Amino acid sequence: MVTLRALGSSGLSVSPFCLGGNVFGWTADEAESFAVLDAYTAAGGNFVDTADSYMYHFPGTEAGQSETILGRWLAARGNRDDVVLATKVGDHPQYKGVAPATIKAAVEESLRRLGTDRIDLYYVHYDDPEIPVEDIITTLDGLVRDGKVRAIAASNIEPARLAESLAFSDREGLARYAVLQPPYNLVSRETYEDERRGIVQREGVVCVPYFGLASGFLTGKYRPGQPSPSVRDLPGLAGGFVDTERGLRVLDAVEDVAKARGVEMATVALAWVAQQPTVAAPIASARSVEQVPALVAMHDLHLSGEELATLTAASD
């Protein structure tokens, strides 16, 4: 039985591992996506993350495919009330940016594709410094008041804009960002551990980080001198760590802990993220059912203080 945890001030309760939906309609077709979602929920997971833009950046895909597949799965299984559904606004090619009119139009399209009357957690995918935070927050607050969104969040946002947004929400008594979604893993710590984590701690926000496995690097499938095994090897991400001393040091440490615990490397890497201060649930995706067990096994793995210290030291 998976113990759900409170998602900060959102009022939502989620499993400690969040399933990423970026592969739905990309490296996982609809049948494969349904199977992955079935396996994840059967293992006690209830938190699924997608975006209105997934995955139009890649050949053969179009924006909204992930939401559409997820909506069809929810309808087929009749389990909408059992799933905490997160999606994002701001990167869809037809609804680019976060101007008020864009947000209002984009949310309607997301609701349509998802086949639901409300989004549990609605992220600003990419902040736009040209749009006043007052306009963004006021618009999102309106969605909450209308019942279309239950809680709001931010993904890629600069520390100053995050702090400004939270301050405006508090000053005006409006909905405030309950969750921050930055990239964060054992080989990419700086983006979150700089000012952002301090703001999150002070403001009572929680972190739901993406790239929990560094685009697959921390599963151990990328090694020096070997070709990339996956079309998901994004330039500068997974492949960028293979030939670095730090990257290899981290891989060795993760592998040692995994062997000692009798679990997969992915399980250890996600458990490290999950046990960091302010983190509520790391995100990772699976393109096949065979990849799901190593991810959901994180629910049951609690790393010791010594193991955490060993992994952290390797990544310093």
Protein backbone atom coordinates (compact mmCIF):
# COMPACT_ATOMS: atom_id res chain seq x y z
CA MET A 1 0.00 0.00 0.00
CA VAL A 2 1.50 3.30 -1.12
CA THR A 3 1.30 6.11 1.43
CA LEU A 4 0.12 9.30 -0.22
CA ARG A 5 1.66 12.60 0.79
CA ALA A 6 0.26 16.11 0.88
CA LEU A 7 1.32 18.16 -2.13
CA GLY A 8 2.22 21.28 -0.21
CA SER A 9 -0.65 23.72 0.18
CA SER A 10 -2.49 22.43 -2.91
CA GLY A 11 -4.95 20.29 -0.99
CA LEU A 12 -3.95 17.34 -3.19
CA SER A 13 -2.55 14.01 -1.98
CA VAL A 14 -0.12 12.22 -4.28
CA SER A 15 2.05 9.14 -4.50
CA PRO A 16 5.79 9.78 -3.95
CA PHE A 17 6.61 9.09 -7.61
CA CYS A 18 4.98 11.05 -10.46
CA LEU A 19 4.66 9.41 -13.87
CA GLY A 20 5.72 11.65 -16.72
CA GLY A 21 3.50 11.70 -19.79
CA ASN A 22 5.97 13.21 -22.25
CA VAL A 23 6.46 9.85 -24.01
CA PHE A 24 2.75 9.29 -24.70
CA GLY A 25 2.29 9.58 -28.45
CA TRP A 26 6.04 9.84 -28.98
CA THR A 27 8.12 6.78 -28.03
CA ALA A 28 5.02 5.04 -26.63
CA ASP A 29 1.99 4.64 -28.86
CA GLU A 30 -1.52 4.66 -27.44
CA ALA A 31 -1.61 0.95 -26.55
CA GLU A 32 1.81 1.14 -24.89
CA SER A 33 0.82 4.30 -23.04
CA PHE A 34 -2.34 2.64 -21.71
CA ALA A 35 -0.29 -0.35 -20.52
CA VAL A 36 2.22 1.90 -18.75
CA LEU A 37 -0.55 3.88 -17.05
CA ASP A 38 -2.27 0.65 -15.99
CA ALA A 39 0.94 -0.73 -14.51
CA TYR A 40 1.69 2.53 -12.70
CA THR A 41 -1.75 2.84 -11.10
CA ALA A 42 -1.83 -0.88 -10.25
CA ALA A 43 1.37 -0.28 -8.27
CA GLY A 44 -0.32 2.47 -6.23
CA GLY A 45 0.65 5.52 -8.26
CA ASN A 46 -1.90 8.30 -8.69
CA PHE A 47 0.07 11.33 -9.97
CA VAL A 48 0.47 11.87 -13.74
CA ASP A 49 2.22 14.83 -15.37
CA THR A 50 1.78 16.04 -18.96
CA ALA A 51 1.66 19.29 -20.96
CA ASP A 52 -0.43 20.72 -23.76
CA SER A 53 2.66 20.90 -25.98
CA TYR A 54 3.88 17.29 -25.65
CA MET A 55 5.59 16.37 -27.94
CA TYR A 56 5.45 18.56 -31.02
CA HIS A 57 9.21 19.26 -30.90
CA PHE A 58 9.97 15.83 -32.39
CA PRO A 59 9.38 14.35 -35.87
CA GLY A 60 6.09 12.52 -36.32
CA THR A 61 4.43 14.10 -33.31
CA GLU A 62 2.06 16.96 -32.69
CA ALA A 63 1.14 19.12 -29.74
CA GLY A 64 -1.59 17.69 -27.54
CA GLN A 65 -0.98 14.01 -28.31
CA SER A 66 -0.04 13.21 -24.73
CA GLU A 67 -3.12 14.93 -23.28
CA THR A 68 -5.36 13.21 -25.83
CA ILE A 69 -4.02 9.74 -25.03
CA LEU A 70 -4.25 10.40 -21.31
CA GLY A 71 -7.84 11.60 -21.72
CA ARG A 72 -8.78 8.46 -23.64
CA TRP A 73 -7.21 6.29 -20.94
CA LEU A 74 -9.10 8.11 -18.17
CA ALA A 75 -12.35 7.65 -20.09
CA ALA A 76 -11.68 3.99 -20.80
CA ARG A 77 -10.81 3.20 -17.19
CA GLY A 78 -13.42 5.47 -15.59
CA ASN A 79 -10.89 6.49 -12.94
CA ARG A 80 -10.71 10.28 -13.24
CA ASP A 81 -11.39 10.80 -9.53
CA ASP A 82 -8.52 8.46 -8.61
CA VAL A 83 -5.84 10.34 -10.55
CA VAL A 84 -4.13 13.63 -9.72
CA LEU A 85 -3.78 15.18 -13.15
CA ALA A 86 -1.12 17.81 -13.87
CA THR A 87 -0.68 19.63 -17.16
CA LYS A 88 0.94 22.84 -18.39
CA VAL A 89 0.32 25.96 -20.43
CA GLY A 90 2.65 28.17 -22.43
CA ASP A 91 4.47 26.01 -24.97
CA HIS A 92 1.74 24.82 -27.35
CA PRO A 93 2.56 26.23 -30.82
CA GLN A 94 -0.98 27.63 -31.18
CA TYR A 95 -1.11 28.93 -27.59
CA LYS A 96 2.40 30.19 -27.07
CA GLY A 97 3.17 32.20 -23.97
CA VAL A 98 1.22 33.13 -20.87
CA ALA A 99 -0.74 36.23 -21.79
CA PRO A 100 -4.17 36.12 -20.11
CA ALA A 101 -6.08 35.46 -23.35
CA THR A 102 -3.66 32.66 -24.25
CA ILE A 103 -4.05 30.93 -20.88
CA LYS A 104 -7.84 31.17 -21.05
CA ALA A 105 -7.95 29.66 -24.54
CA ALA A 106 -5.33 26.98 -23.85
CA VAL A 107 -6.99 25.66 -20.70
CA GLU A 108 -10.21 25.00 -22.61
CA GLU A 109 -8.30 22.96 -25.17
CA SER A 110 -6.50 20.99 -22.45
CA LEU A 111 -9.80 20.22 -20.72
CA ARG A 112 -11.25 19.06 -24.02
CA ARG A 113 -8.32 16.78 -24.86
CA LEU A 114 -8.20 15.37 -21.34
CA GLY A 115 -11.95 14.78 -21.32
CA THR A 116 -12.37 16.32 -17.89
CA ASP A 117 -14.01 19.30 -16.23
CA ARG A 118 -11.02 20.21 -14.06
CA ILE A 119 -7.23 20.07 -13.99
CA ASP A 120 -5.82 19.22 -10.58
CA LEU A 121 -2.47 20.99 -10.97
CA TYR A 122 -1.94 23.58 -13.70
CA TYR A 123 1.62 24.71 -14.43
CA VAL A 124 2.97 27.72 -16.21
CA HIS A 125 5.32 25.74 -18.45
CA TYR A 126 7.66 28.62 -19.30
CA ASP A 127 7.46 31.99 -17.66
CA ASP A 128 7.52 35.13 -19.82
CA PRO A 129 9.24 38.11 -18.15
CA GLU A 130 7.42 40.42 -20.56
CA ILE A 131 4.06 39.53 -18.99
CA PRO A 132 3.50 41.09 -15.54
CA VAL A 133 3.12 38.49 -12.80
CA GLU A 134 -0.07 40.34 -11.83
CA ASP A 135 -1.64 39.37 -15.16
CA ILE A 136 -0.56 35.73 -14.96
CA ILE A 137 -1.60 35.15 -11.35
CA THR A 138 -4.91 36.98 -11.71
CA THR A 139 -5.78 34.85 -14.75
CA LEU A 140 -4.82 31.61 -13.02
CA ASP A 141 -6.77 32.64 -9.93
CA GLY A 142 -9.81 33.09 -12.13
CA LEU A 143 -9.45 29.50 -13.37
CA VAL A 144 -9.34 28.29 -9.78
CA ARG A 145 -12.41 30.33 -8.87
CA ASP A 146 -14.23 28.93 -11.89
CA GLY A 147 -13.42 25.37 -10.80
CA LYS A 148 -11.44 24.58 -13.95
CA VAL A 149 -8.18 24.28 -12.00
CA ARG A 150 -7.68 23.09 -8.43
CA ALA A 151 -4.14 24.37 -7.78
CA ILE A 152 -1.51 26.30 -9.72
CA ALA A 153 2.21 25.77 -10.18
CA ALA A 154 5.27 26.99 -12.07
CA SER A 155 7.86 25.05 -14.01
CA ASN A 156 10.66 26.98 -15.69
CA ILE A 157 10.84 30.30 -13.86
CA GLU A 158 13.60 32.54 -12.56
CA PRO A 159 13.93 32.91 -8.78
CA ALA A 160 13.06 36.61 -8.75
CA ARG A 161 9.88 36.04 -10.75
CA LEU A 162 8.88 33.13 -8.51
CA ALA A 163 9.31 35.27 -5.40
CA GLU A 164 7.46 38.18 -7.03
CA SER A 165 4.57 35.93 -8.03
CA LEU A 166 4.19 34.49 -4.54
CA ALA A 167 4.34 37.93 -2.97
CA PHE A 168 1.63 39.24 -5.30
CA SER A 169 -0.62 36.28 -4.52
CA ASP A 170 -0.23 36.84 -0.80
CA ARG A 171 -0.75 40.59 -1.04
CA GLU A 172 -3.92 40.27 -3.10
CA GLY A 173 -5.29 37.09 -1.51
CA LEU A 174 -5.15 35.19 -4.80
CA ALA A 175 -4.20 31.63 -5.68
CA ARG A 176 -0.47 31.09 -5.28
CA TYR A 177 1.97 28.65 -6.80
CA ALA A 178 1.89 25.52 -4.63
CA VAL A 179 4.49 23.59 -6.62
CA LEU A 180 7.73 24.33 -8.46
CA GLN A 181 8.88 21.95 -11.20
CA PRO A 182 12.57 22.46 -12.04
CA PRO A 183 15.07 20.00 -13.50
CA TYR A 184 16.78 18.22 -10.59
CA ASN A 185 18.79 15.02 -10.28
CA LEU A 186 22.12 13.69 -9.04
CA VAL A 187 24.07 15.16 -11.95
CA SER A 188 22.07 18.37 -12.36
CA ARG A 189 21.63 20.04 -8.99
CA GLU A 190 22.61 23.66 -9.48
CA THR A 191 19.42 24.90 -11.13
CA TYR A 192 17.33 23.97 -8.11
CA GLU A 193 19.80 24.20 -5.25
CA ASP A 194 20.60 27.83 -5.98
CA GLU A 195 18.04 30.47 -4.94
CA ARG A 196 15.02 28.39 -5.95
CA ARG A 197 15.23 25.87 -3.12
CA GLY A 198 15.61 28.65 -0.59
CA ILE A 199 12.46 30.35 -1.88
CA VAL A 200 10.56 27.07 -1.86
CA GLN A 201 11.59 26.39 1.74
CA ARG A 202 10.71 29.88 2.96
CA GLU A 203 7.39 30.06 1.13
CA GLY A 204 6.00 26.61 1.90
CA VAL A 205 6.06 25.55 -1.74
CA VAL A 206 7.04 21.98 -2.69
CA CYS A 207 9.22 20.69 -5.50
CA VAL A 208 8.12 18.14 -8.12
CA PRO A 209 11.27 17.94 -10.25
CA TYR A 210 11.56 16.73 -13.83
CA PHE A 211 14.54 14.91 -15.40
CA GLY A 212 14.73 12.81 -12.23
CA LEU A 213 16.84 10.28 -14.13
CA ALA A 214 18.79 12.82 -16.20
CA SER A 215 17.05 11.68 -19.39
CA GLY A 216 17.95 8.08 -18.63
CA PHE A 217 21.61 8.62 -17.80
CA LEU A 218 21.12 7.54 -14.18
CA THR A 219 19.64 4.20 -15.22
CA GLY A 220 23.15 3.20 -16.29
CA LYS A 221 22.26 2.67 -19.94
CA TYR A 222 24.66 5.34 -21.19
CA ARG A 223 28.34 4.40 -21.00
CA PRO A 224 31.53 5.89 -22.49
CA GLY A 225 32.19 4.84 -26.07
CA GLN A 226 28.76 3.32 -26.55
CA PRO A 227 26.10 4.64 -28.94
CA SER A 228 22.97 6.11 -27.42
CA PRO A 229 20.39 3.35 -26.89
CA SER A 230 17.42 5.69 -27.04
CA VAL A 231 15.86 8.28 -29.34
CA ARG A 232 15.14 10.18 -26.14
CA ASP A 233 18.82 11.07 -25.69
CA LEU A 234 18.35 14.80 -25.87
CA PRO A 235 21.47 16.78 -26.83
CA GLY A 236 23.31 18.13 -23.82
CA LEU A 237 21.34 16.04 -21.32
CA ALA A 238 21.86 12.30 -20.96
CA GLY A 239 24.68 12.12 -23.47
CA GLY A 240 26.36 15.16 -21.99
CA PHE A 241 27.23 13.40 -18.73
CA VAL A 242 28.73 10.19 -20.13
CA ASP A 243 32.29 11.34 -20.59
CA THR A 244 32.59 13.56 -17.53
CA GLU A 245 34.49 12.51 -14.43
CA ARG A 246 31.63 13.64 -12.23
CA GLY A 247 29.03 11.77 -14.26
CA LEU A 248 30.94 8.52 -14.11
CA ARG A 249 31.59 8.99 -10.39
CA VAL A 250 27.87 9.38 -9.78
CA LEU A 251 27.06 6.31 -11.88
CA ASP A 252 29.51 4.22 -9.87
CA ALA A 253 28.00 5.38 -6.58
CA VAL A 254 24.42 4.74 -7.75
CA GLU A 255 25.40 1.30 -9.03
CA ASP A 256 27.10 0.40 -5.72
CA VAL A 257 24.04 1.34 -3.67
CA ALA A 258 21.71 -0.42 -6.12
CA LYS A 259 23.70 -3.66 -5.92
CA ALA A 260 23.84 -3.52 -2.12
CA ARG A 261 20.07 -3.00 -1.95
CA GLY A 262 19.17 -5.42 -4.71
CA VAL A 263 17.32 -2.81 -6.74
CA GLU A 264 17.73 -1.08 -10.10
CA MET A 265 19.88 2.03 -10.50
CA ALA A 266 16.82 4.04 -11.51
CA THR A 267 15.18 3.23 -8.18
CA VAL A 268 18.17 4.54 -6.23
CA ALA A 269 18.49 7.71 -8.32
CA LEU A 270 14.82 8.58 -7.85
CA ALA A 271 14.92 7.75 -4.14
CA TRP A 272 17.80 10.20 -3.68
CA VAL A 273 15.75 12.99 -5.29
CA ALA A 274 12.63 12.07 -3.32
CA GLN A 275 14.50 12.33 -0.01
CA GLN A 276 15.91 15.80 -0.67
CA PRO A 277 14.48 18.70 1.35
CA THR A 278 11.26 20.18 -0.12
CA VAL A 279 10.82 17.45 -2.77
CA ALA A 280 7.33 15.96 -2.85
CA ALA A 281 7.65 13.61 -5.82
CA PRO A 282 10.19 13.27 -8.65
CA ILE A 283 8.99 12.78 -12.21
CA ALA A 284 10.20 10.15 -14.66
CA SER A 285 8.61 8.49 -17.66
CA ALA A 286 8.40 4.95 -18.99
CA ARG A 287 7.89 4.03 -22.61
CA SER A 288 7.18 0.36 -21.83
CA VAL A 289 5.63 -1.71 -19.05
CA GLU A 290 9.01 -3.33 -18.43
CA GLN A 291 10.41 0.03 -17.27
CA VAL A 292 7.68 0.70 -14.71
CA PRO A 293 8.75 -1.63 -11.82
CA ALA A 294 12.11 0.09 -11.32
CA LEU A 295 10.37 3.46 -11.09
CA VAL A 296 7.53 2.55 -8.73
CA ALA A 297 9.96 0.57 -6.54
CA MET A 298 11.03 3.99 -5.31
CA HIS A 299 7.85 3.99 -3.21
CA ASP A 300 9.40 1.34 -0.96
CA LEU A 301 13.06 2.38 -0.93
CA HIS A 302 14.22 4.58 1.94
CA LEU A 303 17.91 5.37 1.66
CA SER A 304 19.93 5.51 4.87
CA GLY A 305 21.75 8.64 5.94
CA GLU A 306 25.03 7.01 4.94
CA GLU A 307 23.72 6.10 1.49
CA LEU A 308 22.38 9.60 0.93
CA ALA A 309 25.72 11.08 1.98
CA THR A 310 27.64 8.77 -0.34
CA LEU A 311 25.49 9.67 -3.34
CA THR A 312 25.56 13.38 -2.56
CA ALA A 313 29.36 13.37 -2.15
CA ALA A 314 29.77 11.62 -5.49
CA SER A 315 27.72 14.32 -7.20
CA ASP A 316 29.42 17.29 -5.51
